[in-house]
C-alpha atoms as a PDB file:
ATOM      1  CA  MET A   1     308.436  45.352 119.854  1.00  0.00           C
ATOM      2  CA  HIS A   2     306.924  48.382 117.708  1.00  0.00           C
ATOM      3  CA  THR A   3     304.188  50.675 118.667  1.00  0.00           C
ATOM      4  CA  PHE A   4     302.192  50.148 115.388  1.00  0.00           C
ATOM      5  CA  HIS A   5     302.116  46.451 116.029  1.00  0.00           C
ATOM      6  CA  ILE A   6     300.853  46.737 119.467  1.00  0.00           C
ATOM      7  CA  ARG A   7     298.018  49.269 118.601  1.00  0.00           C
ATOM      8  CA  ARG A   8     297.136  47.146 115.464  1.00  0.00           C
ATOM      9  CA  ALA A   9     296.832  44.473 117.886  1.00  0.00           C
ATOM     10  CA  LEU A  10     294.994  46.194 120.474  1.00  0.00           C
ATOM     11  CA  GLN A  11     292.394  47.486 117.756  1.00  0.00           C
ATOM     12  CA  SER A  12     291.890  44.178 116.502  1.00  0.00           C
ATOM     13  CA  LEU A  13     290.622  42.997 120.270  1.00  0.00           C
ATOM     14  CA  GLY A  14     288.208  45.951 120.118  1.00  0.00           C
ATOM     15  CA  LEU A  15     290.110  48.186 122.211  1.00  0.00           C
ATOM     16  CA  SER A  16     289.558  51.810 122.050  1.00  0.00           C
ATOM     17  CA  THR A  17     292.554  54.201 121.210  1.00  0.00           C
ATOM     18  CA  CYS A  18     292.431  55.659 124.796  1.00  0.00           C
ATOM     19  CA  PHE A  19     292.627  52.243 126.331  1.00  0.00           C
ATOM     20  CA  ALA A  20     295.385  51.071 123.912  1.00  0.00           C
ATOM     21  CA  LEU A  21     297.692  53.898 124.978  1.00  0.00           C
ATOM     22  CA  ALA A  22     297.177  52.866 128.846  1.00  0.00           C
ATOM     23  CA  ALA A  23     297.971  49.255 127.867  1.00  0.00           C
ATOM     24  CA  LEU A  24     300.816  49.925 126.072  1.00  0.00           C
ATOM     25  CA  LEU A  25     302.574  51.847 128.790  1.00  0.00           C
ATOM     26  CA  LEU A  26     301.958  48.997 130.861  1.00  0.00           C
ATOM     27  CA  ALA A  27     303.006  46.364 128.409  1.00  0.00           C
ATOM     28  CA  ILE A  28     306.212  48.037 127.432  1.00  0.00           C
ATOM     29  CA  PRO A  29     308.164  47.550 130.439  1.00  0.00           C
ATOM     30  CA  ALA A  30     306.435  43.983 131.078  1.00  0.00           C
ATOM     31  CA  ALA A  31     307.817  42.904 127.780  1.00  0.00           C
ATOM     32  CA  THR A  32     311.163  42.681 128.885  1.00  0.00           C
ATOM     33  CA  SER A  33     310.533  40.276 131.868  1.00  0.00           C
ATOM     34  CA  THR A  34     308.360  37.544 130.078  1.00  0.00           C
ATOM     35  CA  ALA A  35     308.910  34.904 127.851  1.00  0.00           C
ATOM     36  CA  SER A  36     306.277  36.162 124.957  1.00  0.00           C
ATOM     37  CA  ALA A  37     306.611  37.495 121.521  1.00  0.00           C
ATOM     38  CA  GLN A  38     304.378  40.475 122.338  1.00  0.00           C
ATOM     39  CA  VAL A  39     302.394  41.668 125.490  1.00  0.00           C
ATOM     40  CA  VAL A  40     299.375  43.578 123.959  1.00  0.00           C
ATOM     41  CA  LEU A  41     296.718  44.065 126.529  1.00  0.00           C
ATOM     42  CA  SER A  42     296.490  44.837 130.134  1.00  0.00           C
ATOM     43  CA  VAL A  43     293.652  44.353 132.739  1.00  0.00           C
ATOM     44  CA  THR A  44     293.099  44.521 136.400  1.00  0.00           C
ATOM     45  CA  VAL A  45     290.785  41.673 136.787  1.00  0.00           C
ATOM     46  CA  ALA A  46     291.799  38.003 136.477  1.00  0.00           C
ATOM     47  CA  PRO A  47     289.915  35.887 133.662  1.00  0.00           C
ATOM     48  CA  PRO A  48     287.566  33.261 134.292  1.00  0.00           C
ATOM     49  CA  ALA A  49     288.678  29.709 134.456  1.00  0.00           C
ATOM     50  CA  LEU A  50     288.993  27.843 131.369  1.00  0.00           C
ATOM     51  CA  PRO A  51     285.606  25.917 130.456  1.00  0.00           C
ATOM     52  CA  VAL A  52     285.311  22.349 129.283  1.00  0.00           C
ATOM     53  CA  TYR A  53     284.305  21.776 125.887  1.00  0.00           C
ATOM     54  CA  THR A  54     284.518  19.045 123.066  1.00  0.00           C
ATOM     55  CA  GLN A  55     286.730  19.476 120.293  1.00  0.00           C
ATOM     56  CA  PRO A  56     285.218  19.518 116.563  1.00  0.00           C
ATOM     57  CA  VAL A  57     286.472  17.032 114.229  1.00  0.00           C
ATOM     58  CA  CYS A  58     289.517  18.140 112.256  1.00  0.00           C
ATOM     59  CA  PRO A  59     288.145  19.168 108.892  1.00  0.00           C
ATOM     60  CA  GLY A  60     291.207  17.982 106.687  1.00  0.00           C
ATOM     61  CA  ASP A  61     294.948  17.342 106.514  1.00  0.00           C
ATOM     62  CA  GLY A  62     297.264  20.061 107.482  1.00  0.00           C
ATOM     63  CA  TYR A  63     294.870  21.712 110.233  1.00  0.00           C
ATOM     64  CA  ILE A  64     296.480  22.663 113.542  1.00  0.00           C
ATOM     65  CA  TRP A  65     294.317  23.102 116.501  1.00  0.00           C
ATOM     66  CA  THR A  66     294.624  26.253 118.285  1.00  0.00           C
ATOM     67  CA  PRO A  67     292.739  26.248 121.685  1.00  0.00           C
ATOM     68  CA  GLY A  68     290.077  28.411 123.150  1.00  0.00           C
ATOM     69  CA  TYR A  69     291.027  31.141 125.434  1.00  0.00           C
ATOM     70  CA  TRP A  70     289.412  34.406 127.101  1.00  0.00           C
ATOM     71  CA  SER A  71     290.050  37.635 125.307  1.00  0.00           C
ATOM     72  CA  TYR A  72     289.236  40.898 126.377  1.00  0.00           C
ATOM     73  CA  SER A  73     287.149  44.310 124.978  1.00  0.00           C
ATOM     74  CA  ASP A  74     287.043  47.435 126.792  1.00  0.00           C
ATOM     75  CA  ASP A  75     283.053  47.465 125.788  1.00  0.00           C
ATOM     76  CA  GLY A  76     282.206  44.297 127.535  1.00  0.00           C
ATOM     77  CA  GLY A  77     285.149  42.575 129.649  1.00  0.00           C
ATOM     78  CA  TYR A  78     286.122  39.218 128.887  1.00  0.00           C
ATOM     79  CA  PHE A  79     284.740  37.454 125.960  1.00  0.00           C
ATOM     80  CA  TRP A  80     285.340  33.633 125.112  1.00  0.00           C
ATOM     81  CA  VAL A  81     286.927  32.783 121.580  1.00  0.00           C
ATOM     82  CA  PRO A  82     286.288  29.085 120.709  1.00  0.00           C
ATOM     83  CA  GLY A  83     288.942  26.823 119.937  1.00  0.00           C
ATOM     84  CA  THR A  84     289.273  26.303 116.155  1.00  0.00           C
ATOM     85  CA  TRP A  85     291.290  24.283 113.809  1.00  0.00           C
ATOM     86  CA  VAL A  86     293.749  26.585 111.387  1.00  0.00           C
ATOM     87  CA  GLU A  87     295.816  25.703 108.337  1.00  0.00           C
ATOM     88  CA  ALA A  88     299.386  26.243 109.484  1.00  0.00           C
ATOM     89  CA  PRO A  89     300.839  29.305 107.622  1.00  0.00           C
ATOM     90  CA  GLN A  90     303.642  27.299 106.800  1.00  0.00           C
ATOM     91  CA  VAL A  91     304.760  23.571 106.441  1.00  0.00           C
ATOM     92  CA  GLY A  92     306.444  22.706 109.944  1.00  0.00           C
ATOM     93  CA  PHE A  93     305.172  25.724 111.728  1.00  0.00           C
ATOM     94  CA  LEU A  94     303.230  25.201 115.358  1.00  0.00           C
ATOM     95  CA  TRP A  95     300.901  27.256 117.564  1.00  0.00           C
ATOM     96  CA  THR A  96     301.952  28.897 120.747  1.00  0.00           C
ATOM     97  CA  PRO A  97     298.802  30.071 122.323  1.00  0.00           C
ATOM     98  CA  GLY A  98     298.773  33.346 123.976  1.00  0.00           C
ATOM     99  CA  TYR A  99     298.306  33.654 128.015  1.00  0.00           C
ATOM    100  CA  TRP A 100     297.283  35.993 130.310  1.00  0.00           C
ATOM    101  CA  GLY A 101     300.356  36.809 133.048  1.00  0.00           C
ATOM    102  CA  TRP A 102     300.071  38.729 136.097  1.00  0.00           C
ATOM    103  CA  SER A 103     303.000  41.553 136.197  1.00  0.00           C
ATOM    104  CA  ASN A 104     303.017  44.861 137.753  1.00  0.00           C
ATOM    105  CA  GLY A 105     299.705  45.001 139.357  1.00  0.00           C
ATOM    106  CA  ALA A 106     297.893  43.837 135.832  1.00  0.00           C
ATOM    107  CA  TYR A 107     296.895  40.703 134.133  1.00  0.00           C
ATOM    108  CA  LEU A 108     298.874  40.970 130.803  1.00  0.00           C
ATOM    109  CA  TRP A 109     298.094  39.259 127.552  1.00  0.00           C
ATOM    110  CA  ASN A 110     300.786  37.850 125.735  1.00  0.00           C
ATOM    111  CA  ALA A 111     299.850  37.057 122.390  1.00  0.00           C
ATOM    112  CA  GLY A 112     300.002  33.653 120.594  1.00  0.00           C
ATOM    113  CA  TYR A 113     302.117  33.184 117.536  1.00  0.00           C
ATOM    114  CA  TRP A 114     303.233  30.509 114.881  1.00  0.00           C
ATOM    115  CA  GLY A 115     306.860  29.157 114.645  1.00  0.00           C
ATOM    116  CA  PRO A 116     309.131  26.068 114.014  1.00  0.00           C
ATOM    117  CA  GLU A 117     308.651  25.090 117.893  1.00  0.00           C
ATOM    118  CA  VAL A 118     306.212  25.723 120.365  1.00  0.00           C
ATOM    119  CA  GLY A 119     307.300  28.490 123.119  1.00  0.00           C
ATOM    120  CA  PHE A 120     306.176  29.402 126.459  1.00  0.00           C
ATOM    121  CA  TYR A 121     302.384  29.848 127.140  1.00  0.00           C
ATOM    122  CA  GLY A 122     302.336  30.537 130.849  1.00  0.00           C
ATOM    123  CA  GLY A 123     301.940  26.701 131.985  1.00  0.00           C
ATOM    124  CA  ILE A 124     298.269  26.875 131.205  1.00  0.00           C
ATOM    125  CA  ASN A 125     296.488  23.481 130.494  1.00  0.00           C
ATOM    126  CA  TYR A 126     294.471  24.431 127.460  1.00  0.00           C
ATOM    127  CA  GLY A 127     293.976  20.788 126.560  1.00  0.00           C
ATOM    128  CA  PHE A 128     294.242  18.747 123.332  1.00  0.00           C
ATOM    129  CA  GLY A 129     297.726  18.352 123.645  1.00  0.00           C
ATOM    130  CA  TYR A 130     298.761  21.724 125.292  1.00  0.00           C
ATOM    131  CA  VAL A 131     299.223  20.398 128.488  1.00  0.00           C
ATOM    132  CA  GLY A 132     301.148  23.722 129.953  1.00  0.00           C
ATOM    133  CA  THR A 133     304.313  23.153 128.215  1.00  0.00           C
ATOM    134  CA  GLY A 134     305.070  21.936 124.585  1.00  0.00           C
ATOM    135  CA  TYR A 135     302.543  20.431 122.294  1.00  0.00           C
ATOM    136  CA  PHE A 136     301.772  16.740 122.323  1.00  0.00           C
ATOM    137  CA  GLY A 137     298.814  16.891 119.963  1.00  0.00           C
ATOM    138  CA  GLY A 138     301.079  16.031 116.617  1.00  0.00           C
ATOM    139  CA  ARG A 139     303.840  16.580 114.749  1.00  0.00           C
ATOM    140  CA  TRP A 140     305.750  17.529 111.436  1.00  0.00           C
ATOM    141  CA  THR A 141     306.865  14.486 109.616  1.00  0.00           C
ATOM    142  CA  ASP A 142     308.266  14.890 105.955  1.00  0.00           C
ATOM    143  CA  GLY A 143     306.201  17.788 105.062  1.00  0.00           C
ATOM    144  CA  HIS A 144     303.072  16.266 106.831  1.00  0.00           C
ATOM    145  CA  PHE A 145     301.267  16.771 109.817  1.00  0.00           C
ATOM    146  CA  PHE A 146     300.685  13.620 112.093  1.00  0.00           C
ATOM    147  CA  TYR A 147     297.947  13.871 114.603  1.00  0.00           C
ATOM    148  CA  ASN A 148     297.993  12.259 117.943  1.00  0.00           C
ATOM    149  CA  THR A 149     294.521  10.562 118.249  1.00  0.00           C
ATOM    150  CA  ARG A 150     294.324  10.217 121.956  1.00  0.00           C
ATOM    151  CA  VAL A 151     294.247  14.118 122.414  1.00  0.00           C
ATOM    152  CA  ASN A 152     292.632  15.108 118.904  1.00  0.00           C
ATOM    153  CA  ASN A 153     289.021  14.212 117.356  1.00  0.00           C
ATOM    154  CA  VAL A 154     290.351  12.956 114.019  1.00  0.00           C
ATOM    155  CA  ASN A 155     288.529  10.668 111.689  1.00  0.00           C
ATOM    156  CA  VAL A 156     291.193   7.965 110.783  1.00  0.00           C
ATOM    157  CA  ASN A 157     289.238   7.178 107.950  1.00  0.00           C
ATOM    158  CA  VAL A 158     289.518  10.477 106.354  1.00  0.00           C
ATOM    159  CA  ILE A 159     292.970  11.795 107.831  1.00  0.00           C
ATOM    160  CA  HIS A 160     295.561   8.519 107.648  1.00  0.00           C
ATOM    161  CA  ASN A 161     298.720  10.273 108.985  1.00  0.00           C
ATOM    162  CA  THR A 162     297.916   9.759 112.688  1.00  0.00           C
ATOM    163  CA  TYR A 163     299.542   7.991 115.539  1.00  0.00           C
ATOM    164  CA  ALA A 164     298.363   7.275 119.307  1.00  0.00           C
ATOM    165  CA  ARG A 165     300.407   8.349 122.347  1.00  0.00           C
ATOM    166  CA  THR A 166     299.005   8.927 125.755  1.00  0.00           C
ATOM    167  CA  VAL A 167     299.239  12.198 127.145  1.00  0.00           C
ATOM    168  CA  VAL A 168     299.413  13.074 131.121  1.00  0.00           C
ATOM    169  CA  VAL A 169     297.264  15.704 131.888  1.00  0.00           C
ATOM    170  CA  HIS A 170     296.793  17.691 135.042  1.00  0.00           C
ATOM    171  CA  ASP A 171     293.437  18.638 136.002  1.00  0.00           C
ATOM    172  CA  SER A 172     293.443  22.172 135.867  1.00  0.00           C
ATOM    173  CA  HIS A 173     291.318  25.084 134.592  1.00  0.00           C
ATOM    174  CA  VAL A 174     293.180  28.168 135.633  1.00  0.00           C
ATOM    175  CA  SER A 175     293.536  30.684 132.770  1.00  0.00           C
ATOM    176  CA  TYR A 176     296.502  32.818 133.635  1.00  0.00           C
ATOM    177  CA  ASN A 177     299.860  32.724 135.001  1.00  0.00           C
ATOM    178  CA  GLY A 178     301.081  34.325 138.300  1.00  0.00           C
ATOM    179  CA  GLY A 179     299.300  36.256 140.676  1.00  0.00           C
ATOM    180  CA  HIS A 180     296.792  35.280 143.379  1.00  0.00           C
ATOM    181  CA  GLY A 181     295.626  31.750 142.346  1.00  0.00           C
ATOM    182  CA  GLY A 182     297.408  31.689 139.012  1.00  0.00           C
ATOM    183  CA  VAL A 183     299.524  28.934 137.553  1.00  0.00           C
ATOM    184  CA  SER A 184     303.379  29.234 138.928  1.00  0.00           C
ATOM    185  CA  ALA A 185     305.284  28.249 135.944  1.00  0.00           C
ATOM    186  CA  ARG A 186     308.147  29.955 134.547  1.00  0.00           C
ATOM    187  CA  PRO A 187     309.830  29.848 131.005  1.00  0.00           C
ATOM    188  CA  THR A 188     313.072  27.986 130.642  1.00  0.00           C
ATOM    189  CA  ALA A 189     316.215  29.302 129.165  1.00  0.00           C
ATOM    190  CA  ALA A 190     315.422  27.855 125.701  1.00  0.00           C
ATOM    191  CA  GLN A 191     312.129  29.378 125.792  1.00  0.00           C
ATOM    192  CA  GLU A 192     313.374  32.630 126.851  1.00  0.00           C
ATOM    193  CA  ARG A 193     315.579  32.688 123.858  1.00  0.00           C
ATOM    194  CA  PHE A 194     312.597  31.538 121.504  1.00  0.00           C
ATOM    195  CA  ALA A 195     310.545  34.473 122.555  1.00  0.00           C
ATOM    196  CA  HIS A 196     312.795  36.847 121.315  1.00  0.00           C
ATOM    197  CA  GLU A 197     313.167  35.243 117.984  1.00  0.00           C
ATOM    198  CA  ASN A 198     310.915  36.387 115.035  1.00  0.00           C
ATOM    199  CA  HIS A 199     307.534  34.796 114.921  1.00  0.00           C
ATOM    200  CA  THR A 200     304.555  34.819 112.713  1.00  0.00           C
ATOM    201  CA  PRO A 201     301.525  36.500 113.871  1.00  0.00           C
ATOM    202  CA  PRO A 202     297.860  34.744 113.899  1.00  0.00           C
ATOM    203  CA  THR A 203     296.495  34.346 110.601  1.00  0.00           C
ATOM    204  CA  GLU A 204     293.723  36.212 108.882  1.00  0.00           C
ATOM    205  CA  ALA A 205     291.082  33.629 109.414  1.00  0.00           C
ATOM    206  CA  GLN A 206     292.205  33.727 113.371  1.00  0.00           C
ATOM    207  CA  GLU A 207     291.849  37.359 113.404  1.00  0.00           C
ATOM    208  CA  ARG A 208     288.357  37.101 111.726  1.00  0.00           C
ATOM    209  CA  HIS A 209     287.397  34.246 114.308  1.00  0.00           C
ATOM    210  CA  VAL A 210     288.134  36.727 117.281  1.00  0.00           C
ATOM    211  CA  THR A 211     286.110  39.203 115.499  1.00  0.00           C
ATOM    212  CA  GLU A 212     283.100  36.945 115.065  1.00  0.00           C
ATOM    213  CA  ALA A 213     283.490  35.758 118.844  1.00  0.00           C
ATOM    214  CA  ARG A 214     283.568  39.522 120.077  1.00  0.00           C
ATOM    215  CA  SER A 215     280.232  40.206 117.951  1.00  0.00           C
ATOM    216  CA  ASP A 216     278.308  37.672 119.737  1.00  0.00           C
ATOM    217  CA  ARG A 217     277.212  39.203 122.928  1.00  0.00           C
ATOM    218  CA  SER A 218     276.338  35.452 124.622  1.00  0.00           C
ATOM    219  CA  GLN A 219     280.159  34.819 124.506  1.00  0.00           C
ATOM    220  CA  PHE A 220     281.148  37.650 127.097  1.00  0.00           C
ATOM    221  CA  ALA A 221     281.575  36.439 130.557  1.00  0.00           C
ATOM    222  CA  SER A 222     278.990  39.072 131.725  1.00  0.00           C
ATOM    223  CA  ALA A 223     276.391  37.256 130.095  1.00  0.00           C
ATOM    224  CA  ASN A 224     277.298  33.613 130.085  1.00  0.00           C
ATOM    225  CA  HIS A 225     278.912  33.785 133.775  1.00  0.00           C
ATOM    226  CA  GLY A 226     282.264  32.143 132.708  1.00  0.00           C
ATOM    227  CA  ARG A 227     280.433  29.116 131.039  1.00  0.00           C
ATOM    228  CA  PRO A 228     279.955  30.005 127.455  1.00  0.00           C
ATOM    229  CA  ALA A 229     278.762  28.148 124.308  1.00  0.00           C
ATOM    230  CA  CYS A 230     282.071  26.623 123.121  1.00  0.00           C
ATOM    231  CA  GLY A 231     280.986  25.253 119.839  1.00  0.00           C
ATOM    232  CA  ASN A 232     283.264  26.172 117.051  1.00  0.00           C
ATOM    233  CA  SER A 233     281.516  28.576 114.711  1.00  0.00           C
ATOM    234  CA  GLU A 234     283.768  28.649 112.114  1.00  0.00           C
ATOM    235  CA  ALA A 235     284.019  24.734 111.871  1.00  0.00           C
ATOM    236  CA  ARG A 236     280.198  24.974 111.570  1.00  0.00           C
ATOM    237  CA  ARG A 237     279.983  27.602 109.190  1.00  0.00           C
ATOM    238  CA  ILE A 238     282.678  26.247 106.676  1.00  0.00           C
ATOM    239  CA  GLN A 239     283.483  22.514 106.054  1.00  0.00           C
ATOM    240  CA  ARG A 240     285.927  22.711 103.268  1.00  0.00           C
ATOM    241  CA  CYS A 241     285.409  20.511 100.297  1.00  0.00           C
ATOM    242  CA  ARG A 242     288.772  18.189 100.099  1.00  0.00           C
ATOM    243  CA  ARG A 243     288.471  15.196  97.818  1.00  0.00           C
ATOM    244  CA  SER A 244     289.831  11.873  99.115  1.00  0.00           C
ATOM    245  CA  THR A 245     289.894   8.170  97.888  1.00  0.00           C
ATOM    246  CA  ASP A 246     287.856   7.076 100.596  1.00  0.00           C
ATOM    247  CA  GLN A 247     285.866   9.883 101.795  1.00  0.00           C
ATOM    248  CA  SER A 248     282.849  12.063 100.634  1.00  0.00           C
ATOM    249  CA  VAL A 249     283.131  15.478  99.847  1.00  0.00           C
ATOM    250  CA  LEU A 250     282.741  17.632 102.704  1.00  0.00           C
ATOM    251  CA  ILE A 251     280.170  20.332 101.963  1.00  0.00           C
ATOM    252  CA  ARG A 252     280.619  24.226 102.869  1.00  0.00           C
ATOM    253  CA  SER A 253     277.426  24.544 104.831  1.00  0.00           C
ATOM    254  CA  HIS A 254     276.278  28.139 103.934  1.00  0.00           C
ATOM    255  CA  ARG A 255     277.359  27.961 100.388  1.00  0.00           C
ATOM    256  CA  ARG A 256     274.723  28.650  97.822  1.00  0.00           C
ATOM    257  CA  CYS A 257     273.552  25.568  95.491  1.00  0.00           C
ATOM    258  CA  THR A 258     274.880  25.858  91.852  1.00  0.00           C
ATOM    259  CA  ASP A 259     273.724  24.139  88.850  1.00  0.00           C
ATOM    260  CA  GLY A 260     276.682  21.704  88.830  1.00  0.00           C
ATOM    261  CA  ASN A 261     275.822  20.484  92.143  1.00  0.00           C
ATOM    262  CA  GLN A 262     272.099  20.820  92.943  1.00  0.00           C
ATOM    263  CA  ILE A 263     269.428  18.120  92.252  1.00  0.00           C
ATOM    264  CA  ARG A 264     265.866  19.180  92.671  1.00  0.00           C
ATOM    265  CA  SER A 265     263.477  16.944  94.280  1.00  0.00           C
ATOM    266  CA  GLN A 266     259.970  16.697  92.159  1.00  0.00           C
ATOM    267  CA  THR A 267     258.220  16.629  95.444  1.00  0.00           C
ATOM    268  CA  SER A 268     259.886  18.873  97.946  1.00  0.00           C
ATOM    269  CA  GLN A 269     259.695  22.745  97.890  1.00  0.00           C
ATOM    270  CA  ARG A 270     260.649  24.756  94.910  1.00  0.00           C
ATOM    271  CA  ASN A 271     263.771  26.372  96.655  1.00  0.00           C
ATOM    272  CA  SER A 272     265.198  23.434  98.188  1.00  0.00           C
ATOM    273  CA  CYS A 273     268.692  22.133  97.351  1.00  0.00           C
ATOM    274  CA  ALA A 274     270.298  18.489  97.545  1.00  0.00           C
ATOM    275  CA  TYR A 275     274.124  17.803  96.999  1.00  0.00           C
ATOM    276  CA  ARG A 276     275.468  14.828  95.243  1.00  0.00           C
ATOM    277  CA  ASN A 277     277.646  12.467  97.293  1.00  0.00           C
ATOM    278  CA  GLU A 278     280.980  12.158  95.403  1.00  0.00           C
ATOM    279  CA  ALA A 279     282.356   9.119  97.381  1.00  0.00           C
ATOM    280  CA  GLY A 280     283.465   7.131  94.462  1.00  0.00           C
ATOM    281  CA  ASN A 281     280.195   6.557  92.995  1.00  0.00           C
ATOM    282  CA  ASN A 282     277.685   9.667  92.823  1.00  0.00           C
ATOM    283  CA  ALA A 283     274.503   8.836  94.785  1.00  0.00           C
ATOM    284  CA  ARG A 284     271.417   9.529  92.715  1.00  0.00           C
ATOM    285  CA  ALA A 285     268.759  11.398  94.486  1.00  0.00           C
ATOM    286  CA  GLN A 286     265.735   9.127  95.223  1.00  0.00           C
ATOM    287  CA  ASN A 287     262.198  10.407  95.357  1.00  0.00           C
ATOM    288  CA  ARG A 288     260.926   8.750  98.418  1.00  0.00           C
ATOM    289  CA  ASN A 289     257.334  10.176  97.729  1.00  0.00           C
ATOM    290  CA  GLN A 290     255.040   7.749  96.212  1.00  0.00           C
ATOM    291  CA  THR A 291     252.112   9.448  94.156  1.00  0.00           C
ATOM    292  CA  SER A 292     248.597   7.959  94.326  1.00  0.00           C
ATOM    293  CA  TYR A 293     246.364   8.417  91.548  1.00  0.00           C
ATOM    294  CA  ARG A 294     242.331   7.971  91.308  1.00  0.00           C
ATOM    295  CA  THR A 295     241.387   5.549  88.933  1.00  0.00           C
ATOM    296  CA  GLU A 296     238.086   6.238  87.265  1.00  0.00           C
ATOM    297  CA  ASN A 297     236.345   3.559  89.333  1.00  0.00           C
ATOM    298  CA  GLY A 298     237.099   5.445  92.731  1.00  0.00           C
ATOM    299  CA  SER A 299     239.797   2.790  93.476  1.00  0.00           C
ATOM    300  CA  ASN A 300     243.279   3.903  94.306  1.00  0.00           C
ATOM    301  CA  ALA A 301     246.280   2.764  92.008  1.00  0.00           C
ATOM    302  CA  THR A 302     249.688   3.442  93.337  1.00  0.00           C
ATOM    303  CA  HIS A 303     253.071   3.688  91.238  1.00  0.00           C
END
């Protein structure tokens, strides 16, 4: 483990340099005894329970669900990072969620990572296929990701590489491993070996997602009392335009109207924009407002 990587990861979570050094001293000895690619954070108070939330619809093929979790900032405490769909950085890669684990009198954050298999994530039931061990939300086959519709919110009219497999889930919302009241799961020998292999860190989109969550004070447990608004801000903000033979073009919700895709309605406000639906045949914008003209004799003629 390199000091630079730990410091960079700590700063991305919003930690001060002083706190980062303290966490580093606690993290280094713990890293040799826990199955994780990287221990980057130490807190003396346990994180809140995992909230129950609804998964947003998968935006397109190749996206993998990364579950929500409690992160920590030294200027506000625990804050909720909503789950989000993320494009895998490489075909065949899966996401191993991070987790909090009790060690040496503190709760240590073990960072998540990408790799060809799912490693140990503390036995935490993050839901949506992450039941505490492994991942049952989907699998890679012949270069394509297939989604288990029993645990994922997938529009089968848009994404056809799906299957249905029942997943047994234990109803637990505990968000940390070990310590008082924590999950007692331990890594297998295979998970220990995989934890010490090279892994791919979170993508830039994931890091940006954390930054956005930290900037929203309503996501902090001190404000929401452990019941955050779990909506996926990234999914609401960006709906990627992806063409399919049987789907409409999904529209980036906050993009600007451009000459190529806007249709000005004659009776709407001057700055309003409408987008063409490209599902095979373009739907022509229709003017729903009928204009009434007054005839010379005082009667109304409607067009």
